[in-house]
PDB file of N, CA and C in Angstrom:
ATOM      1  N   MET A   1      -1.515  13.307  -1.867  1.00  0.00           N
ATOM      2  CA  MET A   1      -0.114  13.425  -2.143  1.00  0.00           C
ATOM      3  C   MET A   1       0.159  13.224  -3.624  1.00  0.00           C
ATOM      4  N   ASP A   2      -0.599  12.317  -4.286  1.00  0.00           N
ATOM      5  CA  ASP A   2      -0.298  12.019  -5.706  1.00  0.00           C
ATOM      6  C   ASP A   2      -0.983  13.048  -6.576  1.00  0.00           C
ATOM      7  N   ASP A   3      -0.324  14.166  -6.722  1.00  0.00           N
ATOM      8  CA  ASP A   3      -0.868  15.285  -7.419  1.00  0.00           C
ATOM      9  C   ASP A   3      -1.202  15.025  -8.891  1.00  0.00           C
ATOM     10  N   ASP A   4      -0.423  14.238  -9.532  1.00  0.00           N
ATOM     11  CA  ASP A   4      -0.611  13.908 -10.946  1.00  0.00           C
ATOM     12  C   ASP A   4      -1.432  12.696 -11.247  1.00  0.00           C
ATOM     13  N   ASN A   5      -1.919  12.060 -10.185  1.00  0.00           N
ATOM     14  CA  ASN A   5      -2.777  10.817 -10.339  1.00  0.00           C
ATOM     15  C   ASN A   5      -2.103   9.702 -11.118  1.00  0.00           C
ATOM     16  N   SER A   6      -0.783   9.595 -10.891  1.00  0.00           N
ATOM     17  CA  SER A   6       0.041   8.538 -11.492  1.00  0.00           C
ATOM     18  C   SER A   6       0.010   7.262 -10.720  1.00  0.00           C
ATOM     19  N   ARG A   7      -0.565   7.231  -9.527  1.00  0.00           N
ATOM     20  CA  ARG A   7      -0.612   6.143  -8.593  1.00  0.00           C
ATOM     21  C   ARG A   7       0.810   5.805  -8.048  1.00  0.00           C
ATOM     22  N   THR A   8       1.653   6.817  -8.178  1.00  0.00           N
ATOM     23  CA  THR A   8       2.993   6.758  -7.627  1.00  0.00           C
ATOM     24  C   THR A   8       3.367   8.157  -7.081  1.00  0.00           C
ATOM     25  N   LEU A   9       4.407   8.179  -6.225  1.00  0.00           N
ATOM     26  CA  LEU A   9       4.848   9.471  -5.710  1.00  0.00           C
ATOM     27  C   LEU A   9       6.287   9.782  -6.380  1.00  0.00           C
ATOM     28  N   SER A  10       6.363  11.024  -6.942  1.00  0.00           N
ATOM     29  CA  SER A  10       7.642  11.462  -7.386  1.00  0.00           C
ATOM     30  C   SER A  10       8.409  12.068  -6.256  1.00  0.00           C
ATOM     31  N   LEU A  11       9.653  12.362  -6.426  1.00  0.00           N
ATOM     32  CA  LEU A  11      10.368  13.050  -5.382  1.00  0.00           C
ATOM     33  C   LEU A  11       9.745  14.434  -5.042  1.00  0.00           C
ATOM     34  N   VAL A  12       9.333  15.075  -6.052  1.00  0.00           N
ATOM     35  CA  VAL A  12       8.629  16.436  -5.857  1.00  0.00           C
ATOM     36  C   VAL A  12       7.386  16.315  -5.042  1.00  0.00           C
ATOM     37  N   GLU A  13       6.563  15.241  -5.412  1.00  0.00           N
ATOM     38  CA  GLU A  13       5.286  15.044  -4.609  1.00  0.00           C
ATOM     39  C   GLU A  13       5.639  14.632  -3.201  1.00  0.00           C
ATOM     40  N   PHE A  14       6.598  13.792  -3.051  1.00  0.00           N
ATOM     41  CA  PHE A  14       7.038  13.344  -1.669  1.00  0.00           C
ATOM     42  C   PHE A  14       7.518  14.496  -0.926  1.00  0.00           C
ATOM     43  N   THR A  15       8.312  15.375  -1.488  1.00  0.00           N
ATOM     44  CA  THR A  15       8.884  16.537  -0.792  1.00  0.00           C
ATOM     45  C   THR A  15       7.708  17.507  -0.393  1.00  0.00           C
ATOM     46  N   LYS A  16       6.806  17.703  -1.299  1.00  0.00           N
ATOM     47  CA  LYS A  16       5.584  18.559  -0.956  1.00  0.00           C
ATOM     48  C   LYS A  16       4.861  17.919   0.196  1.00  0.00           C
ATOM     49  N   ALA A  17       4.617  16.621   0.202  1.00  0.00           N
ATOM     50  CA  ALA A  17       3.883  15.938   1.211  1.00  0.00           C
ATOM     51  C   ALA A  17       4.552  16.115   2.522  1.00  0.00           C
ATOM     52  N   CYS A  18       5.878  15.945   2.601  1.00  0.00           N
ATOM     53  CA  CYS A  18       6.605  16.053   3.825  1.00  0.00           C
ATOM     54  C   CYS A  18       6.483  17.475   4.409  1.00  0.00           C
ATOM     55  N   ARG A  19       6.497  18.480   3.483  1.00  0.00           N
ATOM     56  CA  ARG A  19       6.239  19.883   4.015  1.00  0.00           C
ATOM     57  C   ARG A  19       4.812  20.087   4.432  1.00  0.00           C
ATOM     58  N   ASP A  20       3.844  19.614   3.609  1.00  0.00           N
ATOM     59  CA  ASP A  20       2.396  19.843   3.878  1.00  0.00           C
ATOM     60  C   ASP A  20       2.045  19.197   5.211  1.00  0.00           C
ATOM     61  N   PHE A  21       2.520  18.010   5.460  1.00  0.00           N
ATOM     62  CA  PHE A  21       2.143  17.226   6.662  1.00  0.00           C
ATOM     63  C   PHE A  21       3.084  17.624   7.861  1.00  0.00           C
ATOM     64  N   LYS A  22       4.004  18.535   7.597  1.00  0.00           N
ATOM     65  CA  LYS A  22       4.935  18.962   8.644  1.00  0.00           C
ATOM     66  C   LYS A  22       5.552  17.866   9.460  1.00  0.00           C
ATOM     67  N   VAL A  23       6.112  16.845   8.709  1.00  0.00           N
ATOM     68  CA  VAL A  23       6.753  15.702   9.366  1.00  0.00           C
ATOM     69  C   VAL A  23       8.120  16.042  10.046  1.00  0.00           C
ATOM     70  N   GLY A  24       8.578  17.222   9.812  1.00  0.00           N
ATOM     71  CA  GLY A  24       9.823  17.600  10.504  1.00  0.00           C
ATOM     72  C   GLY A  24      11.108  17.118  10.020  1.00  0.00           C
ATOM     73  N   ILE A  25      11.098  16.795   8.664  1.00  0.00           N
ATOM     74  CA  ILE A  25      12.354  16.347   8.019  1.00  0.00           C
ATOM     75  C   ILE A  25      12.956  17.515   7.282  1.00  0.00           C
ATOM     76  N   SER A  26      14.212  17.690   7.488  1.00  0.00           N
ATOM     77  CA  SER A  26      14.929  18.756   6.818  1.00  0.00           C
ATOM     78  C   SER A  26      14.953  18.477   5.289  1.00  0.00           C
ATOM     79  N   ASP A  27      14.812  19.542   4.455  1.00  0.00           N
ATOM     80  CA  ASP A  27      14.797  19.349   3.037  1.00  0.00           C
ATOM     81  C   ASP A  27      16.026  18.646   2.533  1.00  0.00           C
ATOM     82  N   GLU A  28      17.152  18.807   3.144  1.00  0.00           N
ATOM     83  CA  GLU A  28      18.388  18.168   2.679  1.00  0.00           C
ATOM     84  C   GLU A  28      18.284  16.620   2.833  1.00  0.00           C
ATOM     85  N   TYR A  29      17.401  16.155   3.753  1.00  0.00           N
ATOM     86  CA  TYR A  29      17.441  14.696   3.996  1.00  0.00           C
ATOM     87  C   TYR A  29      16.298  13.983   3.191  1.00  0.00           C
ATOM     88  N   ILE A  30      15.357  14.807   2.680  1.00  0.00           N
ATOM     89  CA  ILE A  30      14.194  14.193   1.921  1.00  0.00           C
ATOM     90  C   ILE A  30      14.607  13.282   0.777  1.00  0.00           C
ATOM     91  N   PRO A  31      15.599  13.743  -0.065  1.00  0.00           N
ATOM     92  CA  PRO A  31      15.967  12.803  -1.218  1.00  0.00           C
ATOM     93  C   PRO A  31      16.608  11.534  -0.700  1.00  0.00           C
ATOM     94  N   THR A  32      17.346  11.578   0.372  1.00  0.00           N
ATOM     95  CA  THR A  32      17.882  10.318   0.986  1.00  0.00           C
ATOM     96  C   THR A  32      16.803   9.395   1.482  1.00  0.00           C
ATOM     97  N   ILE A  33      15.813   9.905   2.157  1.00  0.00           N
ATOM     98  CA  ILE A  33      14.690   9.052   2.616  1.00  0.00           C
ATOM     99  C   ILE A  33      13.947   8.551   1.487  1.00  0.00           C
ATOM    100  N   PHE A  34      13.662   9.416   0.457  1.00  0.00           N
ATOM    101  CA  PHE A  34      12.908   8.966  -0.792  1.00  0.00           C
ATOM    102  C   PHE A  34      13.656   7.800  -1.357  1.00  0.00           C
ATOM    103  N   LYS A  35      14.946   7.916  -1.588  1.00  0.00           N
ATOM    104  CA  LYS A  35      15.736   6.876  -2.131  1.00  0.00           C
ATOM    105  C   LYS A  35      15.692   5.556  -1.396  1.00  0.00           C
ATOM    106  N   ALA A  36      15.757   5.712  -0.051  1.00  0.00           N
ATOM    107  CA  ALA A  36      15.685   4.519   0.790  1.00  0.00           C
ATOM    108  C   ALA A  36      14.309   3.832   0.621  1.00  0.00           C
ATOM    109  N   PHE A  37      13.227   4.579   0.498  1.00  0.00           N
ATOM    110  CA  PHE A  37      11.874   4.085   0.315  1.00  0.00           C
ATOM    111  C   PHE A  37      11.624   3.418  -1.073  1.00  0.00           C
ATOM    112  N   ASP A  38      12.363   3.923  -2.039  1.00  0.00           N
ATOM    113  CA  ASP A  38      12.213   3.490  -3.444  1.00  0.00           C
ATOM    114  C   ASP A  38      12.962   2.208  -3.678  1.00  0.00           C
ATOM    115  N   VAL A  39      12.441   1.139  -3.239  1.00  0.00           N
ATOM    116  CA  VAL A  39      13.164  -0.188  -3.233  1.00  0.00           C
ATOM    117  C   VAL A  39      13.526  -0.681  -4.632  1.00  0.00           C
ATOM    118  N   ASN A  40      12.733  -0.404  -5.604  1.00  0.00           N
ATOM    119  CA  ASN A  40      13.067  -0.961  -6.953  1.00  0.00           C
ATOM    120  C   ASN A  40      13.788   0.072  -7.755  1.00  0.00           C
ATOM    121  N   ASN A  41      14.171   1.227  -7.160  1.00  0.00           N
ATOM    122  CA  ASN A  41      15.033   2.235  -7.805  1.00  0.00           C
ATOM    123  C   ASN A  41      14.477   2.727  -9.098  1.00  0.00           C
ATOM    124  N   ASP A  42      13.168   2.930  -9.196  1.00  0.00           N
ATOM    125  CA  ASP A  42      12.617   3.445 -10.471  1.00  0.00           C
ATOM    126  C   ASP A  42      12.321   4.926 -10.462  1.00  0.00           C
ATOM    127  N   GLY A  43      12.703   5.564  -9.317  1.00  0.00           N
ATOM    128  CA  GLY A  43      12.577   6.984  -9.200  1.00  0.00           C
ATOM    129  C   GLY A  43      11.153   7.481  -8.740  1.00  0.00           C
ATOM    130  N   THR A  44      10.352   6.451  -8.382  1.00  0.00           N
ATOM    131  CA  THR A  44       9.004   6.777  -7.799  1.00  0.00           C
ATOM    132  C   THR A  44       8.679   5.902  -6.683  1.00  0.00           C
ATOM    133  N   LEU A  45       7.707   6.248  -5.882  1.00  0.00           N
ATOM    134  CA  LEU A  45       7.270   5.375  -4.745  1.00  0.00           C
ATOM    135  C   LEU A  45       5.928   4.860  -5.142  1.00  0.00           C
ATOM    136  N   SER A  46       5.823   3.564  -5.173  1.00  0.00           N
ATOM    137  CA  SER A  46       4.522   2.931  -5.358  1.00  0.00           C
ATOM    138  C   SER A  46       3.816   2.865  -4.019  1.00  0.00           C
ATOM    139  N   ILE A  47       2.584   2.631  -4.042  1.00  0.00           N
ATOM    140  CA  ILE A  47       1.797   2.563  -2.742  1.00  0.00           C
ATOM    141  C   ILE A  47       2.437   1.450  -1.832  1.00  0.00           C
ATOM    142  N   ASP A  48       2.838   0.351  -2.473  1.00  0.00           N
ATOM    143  CA  ASP A  48       3.413  -0.760  -1.695  1.00  0.00           C
ATOM    144  C   ASP A  48       4.703  -0.351  -0.988  1.00  0.00           C
ATOM    145  N   GLU A  49       5.621   0.340  -1.794  1.00  0.00           N
ATOM    146  CA  GLU A  49       6.910   0.827  -1.205  1.00  0.00           C
ATOM    147  C   GLU A  49       6.591   1.836  -0.122  1.00  0.00           C
ATOM    148  N   PHE A  50       5.651   2.730  -0.318  1.00  0.00           N
ATOM    149  CA  PHE A  50       5.363   3.697   0.640  1.00  0.00           C
ATOM    150  C   PHE A  50       4.807   3.086   1.996  1.00  0.00           C
ATOM    151  N   LEU A  51       3.846   2.149   1.799  1.00  0.00           N
ATOM    152  CA  LEU A  51       3.278   1.521   3.036  1.00  0.00           C
ATOM    153  C   LEU A  51       4.264   0.663   3.711  1.00  0.00           C
ATOM    154  N   PHE A  52       5.152  -0.058   3.003  1.00  0.00           N
ATOM    155  CA  PHE A  52       6.093  -0.886   3.600  1.00  0.00           C
ATOM    156  C   PHE A  52       7.137   0.001   4.424  1.00  0.00           C
ATOM    157  N   ALA A  53       7.490   1.094   3.821  1.00  0.00           N
ATOM    158  CA  ALA A  53       8.408   1.992   4.544  1.00  0.00           C
ATOM    159  C   ALA A  53       7.814   2.526   5.860  1.00  0.00           C
ATOM    160  N   LEU A  54       6.483   2.717   5.849  1.00  0.00           N
ATOM    161  CA  LEU A  54       5.812   3.270   7.040  1.00  0.00           C
ATOM    162  C   LEU A  54       5.562   2.129   8.038  1.00  0.00           C
ATOM    163  N   ARG A  55       5.137   1.008   7.584  1.00  0.00           N
ATOM    164  CA  ARG A  55       4.724  -0.073   8.507  1.00  0.00           C
ATOM    165  C   ARG A  55       5.856  -1.075   8.800  1.00  0.00           C
ATOM    166  N   GLY A  56       6.766  -1.328   7.836  1.00  0.00           N
ATOM    167  CA  GLY A  56       7.732  -2.298   8.059  1.00  0.00           C
ATOM    168  C   GLY A  56       7.210  -3.746   7.883  1.00  0.00           C
ATOM    169  N   ASP A  57       7.997  -4.682   8.324  1.00  0.00           N
ATOM    170  CA  ASP A  57       7.590  -6.105   8.187  1.00  0.00           C
ATOM    171  C   ASP A  57       6.413  -6.363   9.090  1.00  0.00           C
ATOM    172  N   LEU A  58       5.641  -7.348   8.716  1.00  0.00           N
ATOM    173  CA  LEU A  58       4.585  -7.803   9.520  1.00  0.00           C
ATOM    174  C   LEU A  58       5.145  -8.642  10.715  1.00  0.00           C
ATOM    175  N   ASN A  59       4.611  -8.371  11.982  1.00  0.00           N
ATOM    176  CA  ASN A  59       5.017  -9.262  13.060  1.00  0.00           C
ATOM    177  C   ASN A  59       4.290 -10.597  12.856  1.00  0.00           C
ATOM    178  N   GLU A  60       4.636 -11.606  13.640  1.00  0.00           N
ATOM    179  CA  GLU A  60       4.126 -12.938  13.369  1.00  0.00           C
ATOM    180  C   GLU A  60       2.601 -13.005  13.575  1.00  0.00           C
ATOM    181  N   THR A  61       2.056 -12.244  14.539  1.00  0.00           N
ATOM    182  CA  THR A  61       0.585 -12.288  14.715  1.00  0.00           C
ATOM    183  C   THR A  61      -0.116 -11.701  13.556  1.00  0.00           C
ATOM    184  N   ARG A  62       0.318 -10.538  13.047  1.00  0.00           N
ATOM    185  CA  ARG A  62      -0.330 -10.004  11.848  1.00  0.00           C
ATOM    186  C   ARG A  62      -0.080 -10.825  10.649  1.00  0.00           C
ATOM    187  N   LYS A  63       1.052 -11.443  10.508  1.00  0.00           N
ATOM    188  CA  LYS A  63       1.342 -12.269   9.333  1.00  0.00           C
ATOM    189  C   LYS A  63       0.397 -13.574   9.324  1.00  0.00           C
ATOM    190  N   THR A  64       0.104 -14.039  10.501  1.00  0.00           N
ATOM    191  CA  THR A  64      -0.796 -15.191  10.688  1.00  0.00           C
ATOM    192  C   THR A  64      -2.208 -14.833  10.268  1.00  0.00           C
ATOM    193  N   VAL A  65      -2.655 -13.636  10.724  1.00  0.00           N
ATOM    194  CA  VAL A  65      -3.997 -13.189  10.356  1.00  0.00           C
ATOM    195  C   VAL A  65      -4.160 -12.914   8.836  1.00  0.00           C
ATOM    196  N   VAL A  66      -3.161 -12.276   8.329  1.00  0.00           N
ATOM    197  CA  VAL A  66      -3.168 -11.958   6.892  1.00  0.00           C
ATOM    198  C   VAL A  66      -3.172 -13.259   6.052  1.00  0.00           C
ATOM    199  N   THR A  67      -2.385 -14.244   6.456  1.00  0.00           N
ATOM    200  CA  THR A  67      -2.405 -15.564   5.806  1.00  0.00           C
ATOM    201  C   THR A  67      -3.726 -16.211   5.872  1.00  0.00           C
ATOM    202  N   GLN A  68      -4.356 -16.230   7.000  1.00  0.00           N
ATOM    203  CA  GLN A  68      -5.639 -16.787   7.220  1.00  0.00           C
ATOM    204  C   GLN A  68      -6.673 -16.155   6.354  1.00  0.00           C
ATOM    205  N   VAL A  69      -6.660 -14.855   6.272  1.00  0.00           N
ATOM    206  CA  VAL A  69      -7.654 -14.093   5.415  1.00  0.00           C
ATOM    207  C   VAL A  69      -7.398 -14.502   3.941  1.00  0.00           C
ATOM    208  N   PHE A  70      -6.151 -14.434   3.593  1.00  0.00           N
ATOM    209  CA  PHE A  70      -5.812 -14.760   2.248  1.00  0.00           C
ATOM    210  C   PHE A  70      -6.290 -16.132   1.832  1.00  0.00           C
ATOM    211  N   ASN A  71      -6.011 -17.101   2.653  1.00  0.00           N
ATOM    212  CA  ASN A  71      -6.416 -18.548   2.415  1.00  0.00           C
ATOM    213  C   ASN A  71      -7.927 -18.641   2.328  1.00  0.00           C
ATOM    214  N   LYS A  72      -8.591 -17.892   3.118  1.00  0.00           N
ATOM    215  CA  LYS A  72     -10.100 -17.937   3.063  1.00  0.00           C
ATOM    216  C   LYS A  72     -10.663 -17.381   1.736  1.00  0.00           C
ATOM    217  N   LEU A  73     -10.031 -16.262   1.295  1.00  0.00           N
ATOM    218  CA  LEU A  73     -10.416 -15.618   0.066  1.00  0.00           C
ATOM    219  C   LEU A  73      -9.989 -16.393  -1.188  1.00  0.00           C
ATOM    220  N   ASP A  74      -8.798 -17.081  -1.139  1.00  0.00           N
ATOM    221  CA  ASP A  74      -8.326 -17.784  -2.248  1.00  0.00           C
ATOM    222  C   ASP A  74      -9.037 -19.142  -2.457  1.00  0.00           C
ATOM    223  N   ARG A  75     -10.267 -19.000  -2.938  1.00  0.00           N
ATOM    224  CA  ARG A  75     -11.194 -20.179  -2.999  1.00  0.00           C
ATOM    225  C   ARG A  75     -10.668 -21.395  -3.842  1.00  0.00           C
ATOM    226  N   ASP A  76      -9.984 -21.048  -4.915  1.00  0.00           N
ATOM    227  CA  ASP A  76      -9.439 -22.081  -5.863  1.00  0.00           C
ATOM    228  C   ASP A  76      -8.013 -22.557  -5.499  1.00  0.00           C
ATOM    229  N   ARG A  77      -7.523 -22.007  -4.388  1.00  0.00           N
ATOM    230  CA  ARG A  77      -6.170 -22.336  -3.922  1.00  0.00           C
ATOM    231  C   ARG A  77      -5.122 -22.151  -4.946  1.00  0.00           C
ATOM    232  N   SER A  78      -5.217 -21.218  -5.762  1.00  0.00           N
ATOM    233  CA  SER A  78      -4.233 -20.896  -6.877  1.00  0.00           C
ATOM    234  C   SER A  78      -3.074 -20.084  -6.317  1.00  0.00           C
ATOM    235  N   GLY A  79      -3.144 -19.440  -5.154  1.00  0.00           N
ATOM    236  CA  GLY A  79      -2.114 -18.666  -4.631  1.00  0.00           C
ATOM    237  C   GLY A  79      -2.232 -17.197  -5.074  1.00  0.00           C
ATOM    238  N   THR A  80      -3.346 -16.976  -5.799  1.00  0.00           N
ATOM    239  CA  THR A  80      -3.569 -15.605  -6.374  1.00  0.00           C
ATOM    240  C   THR A  80      -4.964 -15.302  -6.119  1.00  0.00           C
ATOM    241  N   LEU A  81      -5.336 -14.057  -5.668  1.00  0.00           N
ATOM    242  CA  LEU A  81      -6.687 -13.636  -5.416  1.00  0.00           C
ATOM    243  C   LEU A  81      -7.194 -13.036  -6.793  1.00  0.00           C
ATOM    244  N   THR A  82      -8.344 -13.516  -7.164  1.00  0.00           N
ATOM    245  CA  THR A  82      -8.864 -13.007  -8.443  1.00  0.00           C
ATOM    246  C   THR A  82     -10.319 -12.411  -7.991  1.00  0.00           C
ATOM    247  N   ILE A  83     -10.896 -11.689  -8.911  1.00  0.00           N
ATOM    248  CA  ILE A  83     -12.205 -11.099  -8.625  1.00  0.00           C
ATOM    249  C   ILE A  83     -13.243 -12.286  -8.457  1.00  0.00           C
ATOM    250  N   LEU A  84     -12.995 -13.422  -9.126  1.00  0.00           N
ATOM    251  CA  LEU A  84     -13.873 -14.575  -8.949  1.00  0.00           C
ATOM    252  C   LEU A  84     -13.825 -15.155  -7.562  1.00  0.00           C
ATOM    253  N   ASP A  85     -12.594 -15.185  -7.022  1.00  0.00           N
ATOM    254  CA  ASP A  85     -12.475 -15.650  -5.574  1.00  0.00           C
ATOM    255  C   ASP A  85     -13.254 -14.784  -4.638  1.00  0.00           C
ATOM    256  N   ILE A  86     -13.092 -13.521  -4.812  1.00  0.00           N
ATOM    257  CA  ILE A  86     -13.758 -12.540  -3.936  1.00  0.00           C
ATOM    258  C   ILE A  86     -15.254 -12.563  -4.160  1.00  0.00           C
ATOM    259  N   ARG A  87     -15.665 -12.619  -5.445  1.00  0.00           N
ATOM    260  CA  ARG A  87     -17.064 -12.600  -5.767  1.00  0.00           C
ATOM    261  C   ARG A  87     -17.808 -13.838  -5.167  1.00  0.00           C
ATOM    262  N   SER A  88     -17.074 -14.963  -5.040  1.00  0.00           N
ATOM    263  CA  SER A  88     -17.744 -16.160  -4.511  1.00  0.00           C
ATOM    264  C   SER A  88     -18.068 -16.088  -3.079  1.00  0.00           C
ATOM    265  N   LEU A  89     -17.433 -15.115  -2.335  1.00  0.00           N
ATOM    266  CA  LEU A  89     -17.596 -14.936  -0.888  1.00  0.00           C
ATOM    267  C   LEU A  89     -18.350 -13.716  -0.486  1.00  0.00           C
ATOM    268  N   TYR A  90     -18.336 -12.717  -1.385  1.00  0.00           N
ATOM    269  CA  TYR A  90     -18.943 -11.416  -1.029  1.00  0.00           C
ATOM    270  C   TYR A  90     -20.194 -11.161  -1.848  1.00  0.00           C
ATOM    271  N   ARG A  91     -21.291 -10.971  -1.166  1.00  0.00           N
ATOM    272  CA  ARG A  91     -22.590 -10.636  -1.789  1.00  0.00           C
ATOM    273  C   ARG A  91     -22.867  -9.166  -1.585  1.00  0.00           C
ATOM    274  N   ALA A  92     -22.698  -8.315  -2.579  1.00  0.00           N
ATOM    275  CA  ALA A  92     -23.011  -6.895  -2.463  1.00  0.00           C
ATOM    276  C   ALA A  92     -24.412  -6.618  -2.140  1.00  0.00           C
ATOM    277  N   ASP A  93     -25.360  -7.459  -2.613  1.00  0.00           N
ATOM    278  CA  ASP A  93     -26.739  -7.116  -2.370  1.00  0.00           C
ATOM    279  C   ASP A  93     -27.149  -7.269  -0.943  1.00  0.00           C
ATOM    280  N   ARG A  94     -26.263  -7.755  -0.069  1.00  0.00           N
ATOM    281  CA  ARG A  94     -26.465  -7.835   1.350  1.00  0.00           C
ATOM    282  C   ARG A  94     -25.755  -6.722   2.178  1.00  0.00           C
ATOM    283  N   HIS A  95     -24.989  -5.917   1.433  1.00  0.00           N
ATOM    284  CA  HIS A  95     -24.276  -4.870   2.078  1.00  0.00           C
ATOM    285  C   HIS A  95     -25.266  -3.679   2.458  1.00  0.00           C
ATOM    286  N   PRO A  96     -25.118  -3.160   3.701  1.00  0.00           N
ATOM    287  CA  PRO A  96     -26.010  -2.128   4.187  1.00  0.00           C
ATOM    288  C   PRO A  96     -26.203  -0.905   3.305  1.00  0.00           C
ATOM    289  N   ASP A  97     -25.039  -0.595   2.580  1.00  0.00           N
ATOM    290  CA  ASP A  97     -25.159   0.525   1.685  1.00  0.00           C
ATOM    291  C   ASP A  97     -25.998   0.302   0.439  1.00  0.00           C
ATOM    292  N   VAL A  98     -26.004  -0.991   0.075  1.00  0.00           N
ATOM    293  CA  VAL A  98     -26.811  -1.353  -1.093  1.00  0.00           C
ATOM    294  C   VAL A  98     -28.282  -1.556  -0.656  1.00  0.00           C
ATOM    295  N   ILE A  99     -28.485  -2.115   0.562  1.00  0.00           N
ATOM    296  CA  ILE A  99     -29.849  -2.282   0.975  1.00  0.00           C
ATOM    297  C   ILE A  99     -30.519  -0.918   1.156  1.00  0.00           C
TER     298      ILE A  99
END
């Protein structure tokens, strides 16, 4: 959908995607939906805005699982995941595609 590789969707790209994927939204409503999805009002949809619009809030079960995974990955308990946190747990040399 991101035709210009900007890592965001413009209204034009979003409109084209709605048509291409035949989501059944009338062209007159697409700008209204786009504006509702564009939470920070910058005129584009980030991947986070788009996914949140599709998925909505996490239910308690999903939120618990996400928190557990985050806490496991956040080795230094900084509240931020860095490549160092992930590197300390993930060994690429053991991945089947590498082997």
